[in-house]
């Protein structure tokens, strides 16, 4: 999981992603690329819906 973050960077979602300069601050603090999701408010709901509709996907990413 950490390798993904180092390879691809951070994608901000949810209401916190809309805080002014949050992406810049995280990029400065972590030295990783940071992007905002295309629609940060909807992406959280859509992702949760995907997890609920596909339990195999949920099992693959869940922590044991």
PDB file of N, CA and C in Angstrom:
ATOM      1  N   UNK A   1       0.825  -1.183   0.000  1.00  0.00           N
ATOM      2  CA  UNK A   1       0.000   0.000   0.000  1.00  0.00           C
ATOM      3  C   UNK A   1       0.871   1.250   0.000  1.00  0.00           C
ATOM      4  N   UNK A   2       1.917   1.271   0.773  1.00  0.00           N
ATOM      5  CA  UNK A   2       2.805   2.437   0.788  1.00  0.00           C
ATOM      6  C   UNK A   2       3.484   2.626  -0.558  1.00  0.00           C
ATOM      7  N   UNK A   3       3.781   1.515  -1.234  1.00  0.00           N
ATOM      8  CA  UNK A   3       4.413   1.615  -2.545  1.00  0.00           C
ATOM      9  C   UNK A   3       3.513   2.343  -3.519  1.00  0.00           C
ATOM     10  N   UNK A   4       2.206   2.102  -3.440  1.00  0.00           N
ATOM     11  CA  UNK A   4       1.254   2.809  -4.299  1.00  0.00           C
ATOM     12  C   UNK A   4       1.333   4.310  -4.083  1.00  0.00           C
ATOM     13  N   UNK A   5       1.421   4.711  -2.837  1.00  0.00           N
ATOM     14  CA  UNK A   5       1.472   6.145  -2.529  1.00  0.00           C
ATOM     15  C   UNK A   5       2.758   6.751  -3.068  1.00  0.00           C
ATOM     16  N   UNK A   6       3.870   6.061  -2.916  1.00  0.00           N
ATOM     17  CA  UNK A   6       5.132   6.586  -3.433  1.00  0.00           C
ATOM     18  C   UNK A   6       5.150   6.614  -4.950  1.00  0.00           C
ATOM     19  N   UNK A   7       4.518   5.617  -5.579  1.00  0.00           N
ATOM     20  CA  UNK A   7       4.493   5.557  -7.044  1.00  0.00           C
ATOM     21  C   UNK A   7       3.531   6.554  -7.659  1.00  0.00           C
ATOM     22  N   UNK A   8       2.338   6.697  -7.050  1.00  0.00           N
ATOM     23  CA  UNK A   8       1.269   7.473  -7.678  1.00  0.00           C
ATOM     24  C   UNK A   8       0.951   8.784  -6.994  1.00  0.00           C
ATOM     25  N   UNK A   9       1.382   8.955  -5.761  1.00  0.00           N
ATOM     26  CA  UNK A   9       1.067  10.165  -5.024  1.00  0.00           C
ATOM     27  C   UNK A   9      -0.237  10.025  -4.260  1.00  0.00           C
ATOM     28  N   UNK A  10      -0.748  11.141  -3.804  1.00  0.00           N
ATOM     29  CA  UNK A  10      -1.938  11.195  -2.960  1.00  0.00           C
ATOM     30  C   UNK A  10      -3.064  11.855  -3.742  1.00  0.00           C
ATOM     31  N   UNK A  11      -4.248  11.264  -3.658  1.00  0.00           N
ATOM     32  CA  UNK A  11      -5.438  11.871  -4.259  1.00  0.00           C
ATOM     33  C   UNK A  11      -6.376  12.235  -3.127  1.00  0.00           C
ATOM     34  N   UNK A  12      -6.689  13.514  -3.009  1.00  0.00           N
ATOM     35  CA  UNK A  12      -7.563  13.990  -1.942  1.00  0.00           C
ATOM     36  C   UNK A  12      -9.027  13.862  -2.351  1.00  0.00           C
ATOM     37  N   UNK A  13      -9.836  13.335  -1.433  1.00  0.00           N
ATOM     38  CA  UNK A  13     -11.271  13.209  -1.671  1.00  0.00           C
ATOM     39  C   UNK A  13     -12.015  13.735  -0.455  1.00  0.00           C
ATOM     40  N   UNK A  14     -13.309  13.903  -0.593  1.00  0.00           N
ATOM     41  CA  UNK A  14     -14.135  14.341   0.530  1.00  0.00           C
ATOM     42  C   UNK A  14     -14.037  15.839   0.757  1.00  0.00           C
ATOM     43  N   UNK A  15     -14.737  16.287   1.768  1.00  0.00           N
ATOM     44  CA  UNK A  15     -14.801  17.715   2.062  1.00  0.00           C
ATOM     45  C   UNK A  15     -13.460  18.329   2.420  1.00  0.00           C
ATOM     46  N   UNK A  16     -12.605  17.576   3.094  1.00  0.00           N
ATOM     47  CA  UNK A  16     -11.285  18.087   3.464  1.00  0.00           C
ATOM     48  C   UNK A  16     -10.432  18.439   2.256  1.00  0.00           C
ATOM     49  N   UNK A  17     -10.693  17.786   1.136  1.00  0.00           N
ATOM     50  CA  UNK A  17      -9.944  18.075  -0.091  1.00  0.00           C
ATOM     51  C   UNK A  17     -10.209  19.492  -0.581  1.00  0.00           C
ATOM     52  N   UNK A  18     -11.322  20.062  -0.164  1.00  0.00           N
ATOM     53  CA  UNK A  18     -11.699  21.401  -0.628  1.00  0.00           C
ATOM     54  C   UNK A  18     -11.148  22.518   0.256  1.00  0.00           C
ATOM     55  N   UNK A  19     -10.456  22.160   1.318  1.00  0.00           N
ATOM     56  CA  UNK A  19      -9.852  23.189   2.162  1.00  0.00           C
ATOM     57  C   UNK A  19      -8.787  23.939   1.373  1.00  0.00           C
ATOM     58  N   UNK A  20      -8.771  25.234   1.518  1.00  0.00           N
ATOM     59  CA  UNK A  20      -7.862  26.081   0.748  1.00  0.00           C
ATOM     60  C   UNK A  20      -6.407  25.662   0.967  1.00  0.00           C
ATOM     61  N   UNK A  21      -5.712  25.413  -0.131  1.00  0.00           N
ATOM     62  CA  UNK A  21      -4.286  25.072  -0.168  1.00  0.00           C
ATOM     63  C   UNK A  21      -3.932  23.761   0.539  1.00  0.00           C
ATOM     64  N   UNK A  22      -4.905  22.904   0.808  1.00  0.00           N
ATOM     65  CA  UNK A  22      -4.608  21.627   1.450  1.00  0.00           C
ATOM     66  C   UNK A  22      -3.680  20.787   0.578  1.00  0.00           C
ATOM     67  N   UNK A  23      -3.927  20.769  -0.725  1.00  0.00           N
ATOM     68  CA  UNK A  23      -3.081  19.990  -1.625  1.00  0.00           C
ATOM     69  C   UNK A  23      -1.639  20.493  -1.611  1.00  0.00           C
ATOM     70  N   UNK A  24      -1.449  21.792  -1.641  1.00  0.00           N
ATOM     71  CA  UNK A  24      -0.091  22.353  -1.621  1.00  0.00           C
ATOM     72  C   UNK A  24       0.629  22.041  -0.314  1.00  0.00           C
ATOM     73  N   UNK A  25      -0.089  22.166   0.790  1.00  0.00           N
ATOM     74  CA  UNK A  25       0.516  21.913   2.096  1.00  0.00           C
ATOM     75  C   UNK A  25       0.956  20.455   2.217  1.00  0.00           C
ATOM     76  N   UNK A  26       0.087  19.538   1.813  1.00  0.00           N
ATOM     77  CA  UNK A  26       0.449  18.116   1.875  1.00  0.00           C
ATOM     78  C   UNK A  26       1.633  17.803   0.964  1.00  0.00           C
ATOM     79  N   UNK A  27       1.646  18.409  -0.195  1.00  0.00           N
ATOM     80  CA  UNK A  27       2.759  18.193  -1.118  1.00  0.00           C
ATOM     81  C   UNK A  27       4.069  18.692  -0.514  1.00  0.00           C
ATOM     82  N   UNK A  28       4.036  19.844   0.116  1.00  0.00           N
ATOM     83  CA  UNK A  28       5.239  20.379   0.762  1.00  0.00           C
ATOM     84  C   UNK A  28       5.698  19.503   1.924  1.00  0.00           C
ATOM     85  N   UNK A  29       4.760  19.039   2.723  1.00  0.00           N
ATOM     86  CA  UNK A  29       5.097  18.253   3.919  1.00  0.00           C
ATOM     87  C   UNK A  29       5.559  16.835   3.592  1.00  0.00           C
ATOM     88  N   UNK A  30       4.998  16.234   2.531  1.00  0.00           N
ATOM     89  CA  UNK A  30       5.308  14.839   2.232  1.00  0.00           C
ATOM     90  C   UNK A  30       6.287  14.659   1.078  1.00  0.00           C
ATOM     91  N   UNK A  31       6.499  15.705   0.294  1.00  0.00           N
ATOM     92  CA  UNK A  31       7.319  15.635  -0.923  1.00  0.00           C
ATOM     93  C   UNK A  31       6.769  14.616  -1.924  1.00  0.00           C
ATOM     94  N   UNK A  32       5.468  14.417  -1.887  1.00  0.00           N
ATOM     95  CA  UNK A  32       4.791  13.525  -2.822  1.00  0.00           C
ATOM     96  C   UNK A  32       3.834  14.343  -3.675  1.00  0.00           C
ATOM     97  N   UNK A  33       3.556  13.880  -4.896  1.00  0.00           N
ATOM     98  CA  UNK A  33       2.562  14.590  -5.699  1.00  0.00           C
ATOM     99  C   UNK A  33       1.174  14.435  -5.081  1.00  0.00           C
ATOM    100  N   UNK A  34       0.418  15.523  -5.064  1.00  0.00           N
ATOM    101  CA  UNK A  34      -0.928  15.521  -4.482  1.00  0.00           C
ATOM    102  C   UNK A  34      -1.890  16.091  -5.509  1.00  0.00           C
ATOM    103  N   UNK A  35      -3.020  15.392  -5.697  1.00  0.00           N
ATOM    104  CA  UNK A  35      -4.042  15.829  -6.634  1.00  0.00           C
ATOM    105  C   UNK A  35      -5.400  15.814  -5.948  1.00  0.00           C
ATOM    106  N   UNK A  36      -6.300  16.607  -6.452  1.00  0.00           N
ATOM    107  CA  UNK A  36      -7.685  16.560  -5.996  1.00  0.00           C
ATOM    108  C   UNK A  36      -8.458  15.628  -6.911  1.00  0.00           C
ATOM    109  N   UNK A  37      -9.356  14.850  -6.335  1.00  0.00           N
ATOM    110  CA  UNK A  37     -10.234  14.008  -7.138  1.00  0.00           C
ATOM    111  C   UNK A  37     -11.073  14.912  -8.033  1.00  0.00           C
ATOM    112  N   UNK A  38     -11.518  14.383  -9.143  1.00  0.00           N
ATOM    113  CA  UNK A  38     -12.309  15.177 -10.089  1.00  0.00           C
ATOM    114  C   UNK A  38     -13.550  15.768  -9.414  1.00  0.00           C
ATOM    115  N   UNK A  39     -14.238  14.979  -8.625  1.00  0.00           N
ATOM    116  CA  UNK A  39     -15.414  15.434  -7.887  1.00  0.00           C
ATOM    117  C   UNK A  39     -15.269  14.921  -6.451  1.00  0.00           C
ATOM    118  N   UNK A  40     -14.512  15.634  -5.615  1.00  0.00           N
ATOM    119  CA  UNK A  40     -14.151  15.107  -4.294  1.00  0.00           C
ATOM    120  C   UNK A  40     -15.327  14.758  -3.396  1.00  0.00           C
ATOM    121  N   UNK A  41     -16.419  15.494  -3.476  1.00  0.00           N
ATOM    122  CA  UNK A  41     -17.551  15.209  -2.599  1.00  0.00           C
ATOM    123  C   UNK A  41     -18.292  13.939  -3.015  1.00  0.00           C
ATOM    124  N   UNK A  42     -18.435  13.721  -4.296  1.00  0.00           N
ATOM    125  CA  UNK A  42     -19.143  12.531  -4.772  1.00  0.00           C
ATOM    126  C   UNK A  42     -18.270  11.283  -4.751  1.00  0.00           C
ATOM    127  N   UNK A  43     -16.961  11.448  -4.871  1.00  0.00           N
ATOM    128  CA  UNK A  43     -16.085  10.276  -4.973  1.00  0.00           C
ATOM    129  C   UNK A  43     -16.138   9.399  -3.730  1.00  0.00           C
ATOM    130  N   UNK A  44     -16.324   9.978  -2.573  1.00  0.00           N
ATOM    131  CA  UNK A  44     -16.408   9.196  -1.342  1.00  0.00           C
ATOM    132  C   UNK A  44     -17.660   8.321  -1.366  1.00  0.00           C
ATOM    133  N   UNK A  45     -18.771   8.898  -1.736  1.00  0.00           N
ATOM    134  CA  UNK A  45     -20.028   8.155  -1.792  1.00  0.00           C
ATOM    135  C   UNK A  45     -19.979   7.077  -2.871  1.00  0.00           C
ATOM    136  N   UNK A  46     -19.437   7.424  -4.029  1.00  0.00           N
ATOM    137  CA  UNK A  46     -19.355   6.447  -5.115  1.00  0.00           C
ATOM    138  C   UNK A  46     -18.440   5.280  -4.737  1.00  0.00           C
ATOM    139  N   UNK A  47     -17.325   5.575  -4.088  1.00  0.00           N
ATOM    140  CA  UNK A  47     -16.415   4.513  -3.657  1.00  0.00           C
ATOM    141  C   UNK A  47     -17.043   3.607  -2.619  1.00  0.00           C
ATOM    142  N   UNK A  48     -17.765   4.175  -1.671  1.00  0.00           N
ATOM    143  CA  UNK A  48     -18.453   3.368  -0.659  1.00  0.00           C
ATOM    144  C   UNK A  48     -19.502   2.482  -1.321  1.00  0.00           C
ATOM    145  N   UNK A  49     -20.212   3.013  -2.295  1.00  0.00           N
ATOM    146  CA  UNK A  49     -21.195   2.221  -3.024  1.00  0.00           C
ATOM    147  C   UNK A  49     -20.560   1.057  -3.768  1.00  0.00           C
ATOM    148  N   UNK A  50     -19.387   1.275  -4.353  1.00  0.00           N
ATOM    149  CA  UNK A  50     -18.679   0.193  -5.034  1.00  0.00           C
ATOM    150  C   UNK A  50     -18.308  -0.922  -4.058  1.00  0.00           C
ATOM    151  N   UNK A  51     -17.846  -0.535  -2.898  1.00  0.00           N
ATOM    152  CA  UNK A  51     -17.463  -1.525  -1.897  1.00  0.00           C
ATOM    153  C   UNK A  51     -18.665  -2.343  -1.438  1.00  0.00           C
ATOM    154  N   UNK A  52     -19.788  -1.692  -1.245  1.00  0.00           N
ATOM    155  CA  UNK A  52     -20.981  -2.393  -0.789  1.00  0.00           C
ATOM    156  C   UNK A  52     -21.559  -3.314  -1.859  1.00  0.00           C
ATOM    157  N   UNK A  53     -21.329  -2.985  -3.119  1.00  0.00           N
ATOM    158  CA  UNK A  53     -21.881  -3.812  -4.196  1.00  0.00           C
ATOM    159  C   UNK A  53     -20.941  -4.936  -4.611  1.00  0.00           C
ATOM    160  N   UNK A  54     -19.691  -4.919  -4.156  1.00  0.00           N
ATOM    161  CA  UNK A  54     -18.722  -5.952  -4.553  1.00  0.00           C
ATOM    162  C   UNK A  54     -17.894  -6.366  -3.340  1.00  0.00           C
ATOM    163  N   UNK A  55     -18.367  -7.362  -2.606  1.00  0.00           N
ATOM    164  CA  UNK A  55     -17.683  -7.767  -1.385  1.00  0.00           C
ATOM    165  C   UNK A  55     -16.310  -8.371  -1.658  1.00  0.00           C
ATOM    166  N   UNK A  56     -16.091  -8.938  -2.841  1.00  0.00           N
ATOM    167  CA  UNK A  56     -14.754  -9.457  -3.168  1.00  0.00           C
ATOM    168  C   UNK A  56     -13.746  -8.318  -3.236  1.00  0.00           C
ATOM    169  N   UNK A  57     -14.155  -7.208  -3.781  1.00  0.00           N
ATOM    170  CA  UNK A  57     -13.290  -6.028  -3.824  1.00  0.00           C
ATOM    171  C   UNK A  57     -12.994  -5.544  -2.417  1.00  0.00           C
ATOM    172  N   UNK A  58     -13.995  -5.528  -1.577  1.00  0.00           N
ATOM    173  CA  UNK A  58     -13.817  -5.117  -0.182  1.00  0.00           C
ATOM    174  C   UNK A  58     -12.835  -6.039   0.526  1.00  0.00           C
ATOM    175  N   UNK A  59     -12.927  -7.324   0.317  1.00  0.00           N
ATOM    176  CA  UNK A  59     -12.009  -8.268   0.947  1.00  0.00           C
ATOM    177  C   UNK A  59     -10.564  -8.047   0.491  1.00  0.00           C
ATOM    178  N   UNK A  60     -10.390  -7.704  -0.799  1.00  0.00           N
ATOM    179  CA  UNK A  60      -9.036  -7.508  -1.322  1.00  0.00           C
ATOM    180  C   UNK A  60      -8.336  -6.329  -0.671  1.00  0.00           C
ATOM    181  N   UNK A  61      -9.064  -5.295  -0.301  1.00  0.00           N
ATOM    182  CA  UNK A  61      -8.398  -4.108   0.230  1.00  0.00           C
ATOM    183  C   UNK A  61      -8.510  -3.983   1.735  1.00  0.00           C
ATOM    184  N   UNK A  62      -9.269  -4.854   2.385  1.00  0.00           N
ATOM    185  CA  UNK A  62      -9.462  -4.725   3.823  1.00  0.00           C
ATOM    186  C   UNK A  62      -8.220  -5.191   4.578  1.00  0.00           C
ATOM    187  N   UNK A  63      -8.046  -4.637   5.756  1.00  0.00           N
ATOM    188  CA  UNK A  63      -6.939  -5.028   6.614  1.00  0.00           C
ATOM    189  C   UNK A  63      -7.388  -6.192   7.475  1.00  0.00           C
ATOM    190  N   UNK A  64      -6.550  -7.184   7.574  1.00  0.00           N
ATOM    191  CA  UNK A  64      -6.881  -8.345   8.412  1.00  0.00           C
ATOM    192  C   UNK A  64      -6.414  -8.141   9.826  1.00  0.00           C
TER     193      UNK A  64
END
